[in-house]
Amino acid sequence: MAVDEELLKQVLDAVRPSLQADGGDCTYVGVDDDGVVSLELTGACAGCPMSQMTLSMGIERILKEHVPGVTRVEAVM
């Protein structure tokens, strides 16, 4: 199932202010055919030891709830 990239970007834009409030952010890199979304964490998120939890319990959970076809979110460097 192909992921609607426009919807994906809209949901990421809704999540982004929460990251920015803590001095971080994320940049959308892409999504593969398996629904794996690649994001680059920037700012305070890039070096934060809690960033993996932010990805899985925060961003991934929200994307899976709101964007059909998303299976996982992973950080790229």
C-alpha atoms as a PDB file:
ATOM      1  CA  MET A   1       0.000   0.000   0.000  1.00  0.00           C
ATOM      2  CA  ALA A   2       1.477   3.300  -1.071  1.00  0.00           C
ATOM      3  CA  VAL A   3       1.737   5.993   1.569  1.00  0.00           C
ATOM      4  CA  ASP A   4       0.137   9.368   0.781  1.00  0.00           C
ATOM      5  CA  GLU A   5       3.207  11.607   1.077  1.00  0.00           C
ATOM      6  CA  GLU A   6       1.173  14.814   1.211  1.00  0.00           C
ATOM      7  CA  LEU A   7      -0.822  13.526   4.191  1.00  0.00           C
ATOM      8  CA  LEU A   8       2.413  12.295   5.767  1.00  0.00           C
ATOM      9  CA  LYS A   9       3.987  15.759   5.436  1.00  0.00           C
ATOM     10  CA  GLN A  10       0.871  17.408   6.880  1.00  0.00           C
ATOM     11  CA  VAL A  11       0.939  15.156   9.943  1.00  0.00           C
ATOM     12  CA  LEU A  12       4.675  15.771  10.384  1.00  0.00           C
ATOM     13  CA  ASP A  13       4.012  19.519  10.246  1.00  0.00           C
ATOM     14  CA  ALA A  14       1.495  19.064  13.062  1.00  0.00           C
ATOM     15  CA  VAL A  15       4.067  17.137  15.161  1.00  0.00           C
ATOM     16  CA  ARG A  16       6.973  19.489  14.452  1.00  0.00           C
ATOM     17  CA  PRO A  17       6.000  22.250  16.963  1.00  0.00           C
ATOM     18  CA  SER A  18       6.355  19.768  19.845  1.00  0.00           C
ATOM     19  CA  LEU A  19       9.910  18.998  18.768  1.00  0.00           C
ATOM     20  CA  GLN A  20      10.717  22.655  18.217  1.00  0.00           C
ATOM     21  CA  ALA A  21       9.495  23.537  21.706  1.00  0.00           C
ATOM     22  CA  ASP A  22      12.400  21.456  23.047  1.00  0.00           C
ATOM     23  CA  GLY A  23      14.940  22.920  20.626  1.00  0.00           C
ATOM     24  CA  GLY A  24      14.795  20.117  18.081  1.00  0.00           C
ATOM     25  CA  ASP A  25      13.191  19.351  14.766  1.00  0.00           C
ATOM     26  CA  CYS A  26      13.004  16.705  12.072  1.00  0.00           C
ATOM     27  CA  THR A  27      13.411  16.709   8.323  1.00  0.00           C
ATOM     28  CA  TYR A  28      11.452  14.357   6.106  1.00  0.00           C
ATOM     29  CA  VAL A  29      13.833  12.234   4.010  1.00  0.00           C
ATOM     30  CA  GLY A  30      11.452   9.772   2.367  1.00  0.00           C
ATOM     31  CA  VAL A  31       9.268   6.696   2.640  1.00  0.00           C
ATOM     32  CA  ASP A  32       9.985   3.317   1.061  1.00  0.00           C
ATOM     33  CA  ASP A  33       7.621   0.767  -0.512  1.00  0.00           C
ATOM     34  CA  ASP A  34       7.290  -1.033   2.845  1.00  0.00           C
ATOM     35  CA  GLY A  35       5.941   2.090   4.584  1.00  0.00           C
ATOM     36  CA  VAL A  36       9.159   2.846   6.473  1.00  0.00           C
ATOM     37  CA  VAL A  37       9.465   6.609   6.956  1.00  0.00           C
ATOM     38  CA  SER A  38      12.985   8.063   7.163  1.00  0.00           C
ATOM     39  CA  LEU A  39      13.501  11.243   9.163  1.00  0.00           C
ATOM     40  CA  GLU A  40      16.619  13.219  10.015  1.00  0.00           C
ATOM     41  CA  LEU A  41      16.547  14.528  13.565  1.00  0.00           C
ATOM     42  CA  THR A  42      18.083  17.978  13.909  1.00  0.00           C
ATOM     43  CA  GLY A  43      18.833  20.501  16.628  1.00  0.00           C
ATOM     44  CA  ALA A  44      18.556  19.210  20.182  1.00  0.00           C
ATOM     45  CA  CYS A  45      16.918  15.992  18.933  1.00  0.00           C
ATOM     46  CA  ALA A  46      20.041  14.973  16.989  1.00  0.00           C
ATOM     47  CA  GLY A  47      22.125  14.313  20.089  1.00  0.00           C
ATOM     48  CA  CYS A  48      19.409  13.546  22.599  1.00  0.00           C
ATOM     49  CA  PRO A  49      19.570  10.155  24.320  1.00  0.00           C
ATOM     50  CA  MET A  50      15.747  10.087  24.340  1.00  0.00           C
ATOM     51  CA  SER A  51      15.447  10.564  20.564  1.00  0.00           C
ATOM     52  CA  GLN A  52      14.720   6.877  19.884  1.00  0.00           C
ATOM     53  CA  MET A  53      11.808   7.026  22.322  1.00  0.00           C
ATOM     54  CA  THR A  54      10.602  10.246  20.680  1.00  0.00           C
ATOM     55  CA  LEU A  55      10.643   8.464  17.333  1.00  0.00           C
ATOM     56  CA  SER A  56       8.882   5.282  18.390  1.00  0.00           C
ATOM     57  CA  MET A  57       6.502   6.424  21.128  1.00  0.00           C
ATOM     58  CA  GLY A  58       5.801   9.837  19.628  1.00  0.00           C
ATOM     59  CA  ILE A  59       6.277  10.395  15.921  1.00  0.00           C
ATOM     60  CA  GLU A  60       5.839   6.768  14.797  1.00  0.00           C
ATOM     61  CA  ARG A  61       2.700   6.268  16.897  1.00  0.00           C
ATOM     62  CA  ILE A  62       1.091   9.433  15.525  1.00  0.00           C
ATOM     63  CA  LEU A  63       2.022   8.682  11.910  1.00  0.00           C
ATOM     64  CA  LYS A  64       0.679   5.117  12.163  1.00  0.00           C
ATOM     65  CA  GLU A  65      -2.603   6.440  13.592  1.00  0.00           C
ATOM     66  CA  HIS A  66      -3.119   9.118  10.940  1.00  0.00           C
ATOM     67  CA  VAL A  67      -1.373   7.941   7.768  1.00  0.00           C
ATOM     68  CA  PRO A  68      -2.449   4.598   6.284  1.00  0.00           C
ATOM     69  CA  GLY A  69       0.458   2.443   5.165  1.00  0.00           C
ATOM     70  CA  VAL A  70       3.098   3.732   7.595  1.00  0.00           C
ATOM     71  CA  THR A  71       4.741   0.741   9.268  1.00  0.00           C
ATOM     72  CA  ARG A  72       7.770   2.231  11.014  1.00  0.00           C
ATOM     73  CA  VAL A  73       9.813   5.406  11.473  1.00  0.00           C
ATOM     74  CA  GLU A  74      13.578   5.408  11.500  1.00  0.00           C
ATOM     75  CA  ALA A  75      16.209   8.085  11.964  1.00  0.00           C
ATOM     76  CA  VAL A  76      18.900   8.646   9.349  1.00  0.00           C
ATOM     77  CA  MET A  77      22.136  10.521   9.855  1.00  0.00           C
END
